[in-house]
PDB file of all heavy atoms in Angstrom:
ATOM      1  N   TYR A   1     100.191 111.425 108.344  1.00  0.00           N
ATOM      2  CA  TYR A   1      99.344 111.613 107.158  1.00  0.00           C
ATOM      3  C   TYR A   1      98.029 110.869 107.374  1.00  0.00           C
ATOM      4  O   TYR A   1      97.996 109.647 107.456  1.00  0.00           O
ATOM      5  CB  TYR A   1     100.061 111.075 105.922  1.00  0.00           C
ATOM      6  CG  TYR A   1      99.336 111.346 104.615  1.00  0.00           C
ATOM      7  CD1 TYR A   1      99.509 112.547 103.937  1.00  0.00           C
ATOM      8  CD2 TYR A   1      98.492 110.393 104.055  1.00  0.00           C
ATOM      9  CE1 TYR A   1      98.857 112.791 102.737  1.00  0.00           C
ATOM     10  CE2 TYR A   1      97.840 110.625 102.855  1.00  0.00           C
ATOM     11  CZ  TYR A   1      98.029 111.828 102.206  1.00  0.00           C
ATOM     12  OH  TYR A   1      97.384 112.069 101.020  1.00  0.00           O
ATOM     13  N   GLN A   2      96.928 111.614 107.488  1.00  0.00           N
ATOM     14  CA  GLN A   2      95.610 111.025 107.695  1.00  0.00           C
ATOM     15  C   GLN A   2      94.967 110.752 106.334  1.00  0.00           C
ATOM     16  O   GLN A   2      94.724 111.687 105.571  1.00  0.00           O
ATOM     17  CB  GLN A   2      94.729 111.980 108.515  1.00  0.00           C
ATOM     18  CG  GLN A   2      95.311 112.323 109.879  1.00  0.00           C
ATOM     19  CD  GLN A   2      95.426 111.102 110.784  1.00  0.00           C
ATOM     20  OE1 GLN A   2      94.557 110.233 110.765  1.00  0.00           O
ATOM     21  NE2 GLN A   2      96.484 111.041 111.570  1.00  0.00           N
ATOM     22  N   TYR A   3      94.722 109.492 106.044  1.00  0.00           N
ATOM     23  CA  TYR A   3      94.254 109.148 104.704  1.00  0.00           C
ATOM     24  C   TYR A   3      92.952 108.351 104.726  1.00  0.00           C
ATOM     25  O   TYR A   3      92.610 107.700 105.699  1.00  0.00           O
ATOM     26  CB  TYR A   3      95.328 108.331 103.971  1.00  0.00           C
ATOM     27  CG  TYR A   3      95.641 106.997 104.612  1.00  0.00           C
ATOM     28  CD1 TYR A   3      94.949 105.845 104.249  1.00  0.00           C
ATOM     29  CD2 TYR A   3      96.628 106.888 105.586  1.00  0.00           C
ATOM     30  CE1 TYR A   3      95.224 104.626 104.832  1.00  0.00           C
ATOM     31  CE2 TYR A   3      96.917 105.665 106.174  1.00  0.00           C
ATOM     32  CZ  TYR A   3      96.214 104.543 105.791  1.00  0.00           C
ATOM     33  OH  TYR A   3      96.490 103.331 106.373  1.00  0.00           O
ATOM     34  N   LYS A   4      92.255 108.447 103.594  1.00  0.00           N
ATOM     35  CA  LYS A   4      91.080 107.603 103.353  1.00  0.00           C
ATOM     36  C   LYS A   4      91.470 106.385 102.521  1.00  0.00           C
ATOM     37  O   LYS A   4      90.842 105.339 102.621  1.00  0.00           O
ATOM     38  CB  LYS A   4      90.005 108.403 102.628  1.00  0.00           C
ATOM     39  CG  LYS A   4      89.365 109.494 103.479  1.00  0.00           C
ATOM     40  CD  LYS A   4      88.259 110.184 102.709  1.00  0.00           C
ATOM     41  CE  LYS A   4      87.581 111.253 103.566  1.00  0.00           C
ATOM     42  NZ  LYS A   4      86.512 111.950 102.831  1.00  0.00           N
ATOM     43  N   ALA A   5      92.472 106.554 101.675  1.00  0.00           N
ATOM     44  CA  ALA A   5      92.960 105.449 100.852  1.00  0.00           C
ATOM     45  C   ALA A   5      94.445 105.665 100.594  1.00  0.00           C
ATOM     46  O   ALA A   5      94.920 106.799 100.556  1.00  0.00           O
ATOM     47  CB  ALA A   5      92.186 105.362  99.545  1.00  0.00           C
ATOM     48  N   ALA A   6      95.172 104.580 100.428  1.00  0.00           N
ATOM     49  CA  ALA A   6      96.612 104.676 100.187  1.00  0.00           C
ATOM     50  C   ALA A   6      97.085 103.474  99.383  1.00  0.00           C
ATOM     51  O   ALA A   6      96.443 102.418  99.392  1.00  0.00           O
ATOM     52  CB  ALA A   6      97.380 104.756 101.507  1.00  0.00           C
ATOM     53  N   GLY A   7      98.187 103.646  98.672  1.00  0.00           N
ATOM     54  CA  GLY A   7      98.757 102.567  97.876  1.00  0.00           C
ATOM     55  C   GLY A   7     100.273 102.700  97.818  1.00  0.00           C
ATOM     56  O   GLY A   7     100.821 103.771  98.097  1.00  0.00           O
ATOM     57  N   GLU A   8     100.938 101.626  97.441  1.00  0.00           N
ATOM     58  CA  GLU A   8     102.409 101.627  97.379  1.00  0.00           C
ATOM     59  C   GLU A   8     102.905 100.882  96.158  1.00  0.00           C
ATOM     60  O   GLU A   8     102.415  99.797  95.834  1.00  0.00           O
ATOM     61  CB  GLU A   8     102.996 100.975  98.634  1.00  0.00           C
ATOM     62  CG  GLU A   8     104.525 100.931  98.612  1.00  0.00           C
ATOM     63  CD  GLU A   8     105.101 100.108  99.754  1.00  0.00           C
ATOM     64  OE1 GLU A   8     104.760  98.901  99.838  1.00  0.00           O
ATOM     65  OE2 GLU A   8     105.875 100.662 100.559  1.00  0.00           O
ATOM     66  N   ASN A   9     103.884 101.468  95.462  1.00  0.00           N
ATOM     67  CA  ASN A   9     104.630 100.797  94.402  1.00  0.00           C
ATOM     68  C   ASN A   9     106.096 100.766  94.803  1.00  0.00           C
ATOM     69  O   ASN A   9     106.617 101.754  95.336  1.00  0.00           O
ATOM     70  CB  ASN A   9     104.485 101.542  93.071  1.00  0.00           C
ATOM     71  CG  ASN A   9     103.164 101.240  92.384  1.00  0.00           C
ATOM     72  OD1 ASN A   9     102.437 100.323  92.780  1.00  0.00           O
ATOM     73  ND2 ASN A   9     102.840 102.008  91.357  1.00  0.00           N
ATOM     74  N   LEU A  10     106.759  99.648  94.550  1.00  0.00           N
ATOM     75  CA  LEU A  10     108.181  99.501  94.842  1.00  0.00           C
ATOM     76  C   LEU A  10     108.925  99.112  93.568  1.00  0.00           C
ATOM     77  O   LEU A  10     108.370  98.431  92.698  1.00  0.00           O
ATOM     78  CB  LEU A  10     108.420  98.422  95.901  1.00  0.00           C
ATOM     79  CG  LEU A  10     107.809  98.629  97.289  1.00  0.00           C
ATOM     80  CD1 LEU A  10     108.129  97.440  98.180  1.00  0.00           C
ATOM     81  CD2 LEU A  10     108.317  99.918  97.914  1.00  0.00           C
ATOM     82  N   ALA A  11     110.183  99.552  93.485  1.00  0.00           N
ATOM     83  CA  ALA A  11     111.044  99.144  92.376  1.00  0.00           C
ATOM     84  C   ALA A  11     112.488  99.151  92.867  1.00  0.00           C
ATOM     85  O   ALA A  11     112.837  99.889  93.794  1.00  0.00           O
ATOM     86  CB  ALA A  11     110.883 100.082  91.191  1.00  0.00           C
ATOM     87  N   ILE A  12     113.323  98.328  92.228  1.00  0.00           N
ATOM     88  CA  ILE A  12     114.726  98.261  92.626  1.00  0.00           C
ATOM     89  C   ILE A  12     115.610  98.048  91.403  1.00  0.00           C
ATOM     90  O   ILE A  12     115.294  97.260  90.511  1.00  0.00           O
ATOM     91  CB  ILE A  12     114.951  97.117  93.656  1.00  0.00           C
ATOM     92  CG1 ILE A  12     116.365  97.150  94.219  1.00  0.00           C
ATOM     93  CG2 ILE A  12     114.622  95.764  93.064  1.00  0.00           C
ATOM     94  CD1 ILE A  12     116.580  96.192  95.397  1.00  0.00           C
ATOM     95  N   ASN A  13     116.674  98.850  91.331  1.00  0.00           N
ATOM     96  CA  ASN A  13     117.756  98.679  90.360  1.00  0.00           C
ATOM     97  C   ASN A  13     117.332  98.858  88.904  1.00  0.00           C
ATOM     98  O   ASN A  13     117.623  98.018  88.051  1.00  0.00           O
ATOM     99  CB  ASN A  13     118.411  97.303  90.545  1.00  0.00           C
ATOM    100  CG  ASN A  13     119.063  97.185  91.905  1.00  0.00           C
ATOM    101  OD1 ASN A  13     119.534  98.169  92.467  1.00  0.00           O
ATOM    102  ND2 ASN A  13     119.069  95.983  92.450  1.00  0.00           N
ATOM    103  N   PHE A  14     116.650  99.961  88.615  1.00  0.00           N
ATOM    104  CA  PHE A  14     116.362 100.324  87.226  1.00  0.00           C
ATOM    105  C   PHE A  14     117.348 101.400  86.784  1.00  0.00           C
ATOM    106  O   PHE A  14     117.774 102.244  87.589  1.00  0.00           O
ATOM    107  CB  PHE A  14     114.921 100.819  87.083  1.00  0.00           C
ATOM    108  CG  PHE A  14     113.913  99.705  87.010  1.00  0.00           C
ATOM    109  CD1 PHE A  14     113.364  99.179  88.169  1.00  0.00           C
ATOM    110  CD2 PHE A  14     113.526  99.172  85.794  1.00  0.00           C
ATOM    111  CE1 PHE A  14     112.440  98.153  88.116  1.00  0.00           C
ATOM    112  CE2 PHE A  14     112.603  98.136  85.719  1.00  0.00           C
ATOM    113  CZ  PHE A  14     112.062  97.622  86.879  1.00  0.00           C
ATOM    114  N   ASP A  15     117.694 101.384  85.504  1.00  0.00           N
ATOM    115  CA  ASP A  15     118.677 102.339  84.985  1.00  0.00           C
ATOM    116  C   ASP A  15     118.091 103.724  84.755  1.00  0.00           C
ATOM    117  O   ASP A  15     118.824 104.704  84.700  1.00  0.00           O
ATOM    118  CB  ASP A  15     119.272 101.823  83.668  1.00  0.00           C
ATOM    119  CG  ASP A  15     120.129 100.569  83.882  1.00  0.00           C
ATOM    120  OD1 ASP A  15     120.696 100.440  84.994  1.00  0.00           O
ATOM    121  OD2 ASP A  15     120.209  99.744  82.963  1.00  0.00           O
ATOM    122  N   SER A  16     116.778 103.803  84.589  1.00  0.00           N
ATOM    123  CA  SER A  16     116.160 105.110  84.352  1.00  0.00           C
ATOM    124  C   SER A  16     114.735 105.111  84.890  1.00  0.00           C
ATOM    125  O   SER A  16     114.111 104.050  85.052  1.00  0.00           O
ATOM    126  CB  SER A  16     116.139 105.425  82.848  1.00  0.00           C
ATOM    127  OG  SER A  16     115.257 104.547  82.163  1.00  0.00           O
ATOM    128  N   ALA A  17     114.239 106.309  85.165  1.00  0.00           N
ATOM    129  CA  ALA A  17     112.868 106.448  85.643  1.00  0.00           C
ATOM    130  C   ALA A  17     111.877 105.993  84.576  1.00  0.00           C
ATOM    131  O   ALA A  17     110.828 105.417  84.895  1.00  0.00           O
ATOM    132  CB  ALA A  17     112.598 107.898  86.031  1.00  0.00           C
ATOM    133  N   LYS A  18     112.212 106.221  83.315  1.00  0.00           N
ATOM    134  CA  LYS A  18     111.331 105.830  82.219  1.00  0.00           C
ATOM    135  C   LYS A  18     111.220 104.314  82.134  1.00  0.00           C
ATOM    136  O   LYS A  18     110.122 103.766  81.941  1.00  0.00           O
ATOM    137  CB  LYS A  18     111.861 106.400  80.898  1.00  0.00           C
ATOM    138  CG  LYS A  18     110.940 106.163  79.718  1.00  0.00           C
ATOM    139  CD  LYS A  18     111.463 106.858  78.472  1.00  0.00           C
ATOM    140  CE  LYS A  18     110.519 106.645  77.296  1.00  0.00           C
ATOM    141  NZ  LYS A  18     111.034 107.309  76.070  1.00  0.00           N
ATOM    142  N   GLU A  19     112.345 103.632  82.264  1.00  0.00           N
ATOM    143  CA  GLU A  19     112.339 102.169  82.233  1.00  0.00           C
ATOM    144  C   GLU A  19     111.541 101.619  83.425  1.00  0.00           C
ATOM    145  O   GLU A  19     110.771 100.670  83.291  1.00  0.00           O
ATOM    146  CB  GLU A  19     113.773 101.640  82.280  1.00  0.00           C
ATOM    147  CG  GLU A  19     113.877 100.116  82.266  1.00  0.00           C
ATOM    148  CD  GLU A  19     115.296  99.635  82.496  1.00  0.00           C
ATOM    149  OE1 GLU A  19     116.196 100.492  82.685  1.00  0.00           O
ATOM    150  OE2 GLU A  19     115.502  98.408  82.504  1.00  0.00           O
ATOM    151  N   GLN A  20     111.736 102.219  84.570  1.00  0.00           N
ATOM    152  CA  GLN A  20     111.018 101.795  85.769  1.00  0.00           C
ATOM    153  C   GLN A  20     109.512 102.015  85.616  1.00  0.00           C
ATOM    154  O   GLN A  20     108.704 101.137  85.936  1.00  0.00           O
ATOM    155  CB  GLN A  20     111.546 102.599  86.958  1.00  0.00           C
ATOM    156  CG  GLN A  20     110.847 102.318  88.276  1.00  0.00           C
ATOM    157  CD  GLN A  20     111.464 103.135  89.396  1.00  0.00           C
ATOM    158  OE1 GLN A  20     112.426 102.717  90.020  1.00  0.00           O
ATOM    159  NE2 GLN A  20     110.910 104.319  89.634  1.00  0.00           N
ATOM    160  N   HIS A  21     109.133 103.186  85.083  1.00  0.00           N
ATOM    161  CA  HIS A  21     107.709 103.487  84.884  1.00  0.00           C
ATOM    162  C   HIS A  21     107.088 102.514  83.881  1.00  0.00           C
ATOM    163  O   HIS A  21     105.945 102.066  84.059  1.00  0.00           O
ATOM    164  CB  HIS A  21     107.552 104.929  84.393  1.00  0.00           C
ATOM    165  CG  HIS A  21     106.144 105.316  84.090  1.00  0.00           C
ATOM    166  ND1 HIS A  21     105.212 105.601  85.065  1.00  0.00           N
ATOM    167  CD2 HIS A  21     105.482 105.441  82.899  1.00  0.00           C
ATOM    168  CE1 HIS A  21     104.056 105.902  84.507  1.00  0.00           C
ATOM    169  NE2 HIS A  21     104.191 105.808  83.189  1.00  0.00           N
ATOM    170  N   GLY A  22     107.853 102.182  82.834  1.00  0.00           N
ATOM    171  CA  GLY A  22     107.343 101.234  81.845  1.00  0.00           C
ATOM    172  C   GLY A  22     107.061  99.873  82.460  1.00  0.00           C
ATOM    173  O   GLY A  22     106.053  99.223  82.141  1.00  0.00           O
ATOM    174  N   ALA A  23     107.942  99.441  83.365  1.00  0.00           N
ATOM    175  CA  ALA A  23     107.728  98.151  84.036  1.00  0.00           C
ATOM    176  C   ALA A  23     106.497  98.206  84.927  1.00  0.00           C
ATOM    177  O   ALA A  23     105.715  97.242  84.991  1.00  0.00           O
ATOM    178  CB  ALA A  23     108.967  97.792  84.859  1.00  0.00           C
ATOM    179  N   TRP A  24     106.314  99.316  85.611  1.00  0.00           N
ATOM    180  CA  TRP A  24     105.125  99.470  86.465  1.00  0.00           C
ATOM    181  C   TRP A  24     103.842  99.429  85.636  1.00  0.00           C
ATOM    182  O   TRP A  24     102.860  98.793  86.018  1.00  0.00           O
ATOM    183  CB  TRP A  24     105.202 100.792  87.224  1.00  0.00           C
ATOM    184  CG  TRP A  24     106.013 100.712  88.488  1.00  0.00           C
ATOM    185  CD1 TRP A  24     106.377  99.589  89.172  1.00  0.00           C
ATOM    186  CD2 TRP A  24     106.545 101.818  89.222  1.00  0.00           C
ATOM    187  NE1 TRP A  24     107.098  99.914  90.289  1.00  0.00           N
ATOM    188  CE2 TRP A  24     107.225 101.274  90.346  1.00  0.00           C
ATOM    189  CE3 TRP A  24     106.534 103.192  89.057  1.00  0.00           C
ATOM    190  CZ2 TRP A  24     107.874 102.077  91.297  1.00  0.00           C
ATOM    191  CZ3 TRP A  24     107.182 103.998  89.991  1.00  0.00           C
ATOM    192  CH2 TRP A  24     107.841 103.434  91.095  1.00  0.00           C
ATOM    193  N   MET A  25     103.854 100.115  84.497  1.00  0.00           N
ATOM    194  CA  MET A  25     102.645 100.194  83.677  1.00  0.00           C
ATOM    195  C   MET A  25     102.302  98.851  83.022  1.00  0.00           C
ATOM    196  O   MET A  25     101.164  98.627  82.614  1.00  0.00           O
ATOM    197  CB  MET A  25     102.798 101.277  82.608  1.00  0.00           C
ATOM    198  CG  MET A  25     102.858 102.693  83.166  1.00  0.00           C
ATOM    199  SD  MET A  25     101.378 103.159  84.108  1.00  0.00           S
ATOM    200  CE  MET A  25     100.181 103.315  82.794  1.00  0.00           C
TER     201      MET A  25
END
């Protein structure tokens, strides 16, 4: 993958995608 910009988010052991997204936000 040839990129100009890139980023990474990590998460572990959340019960739901919504809960995980809320923590990220």
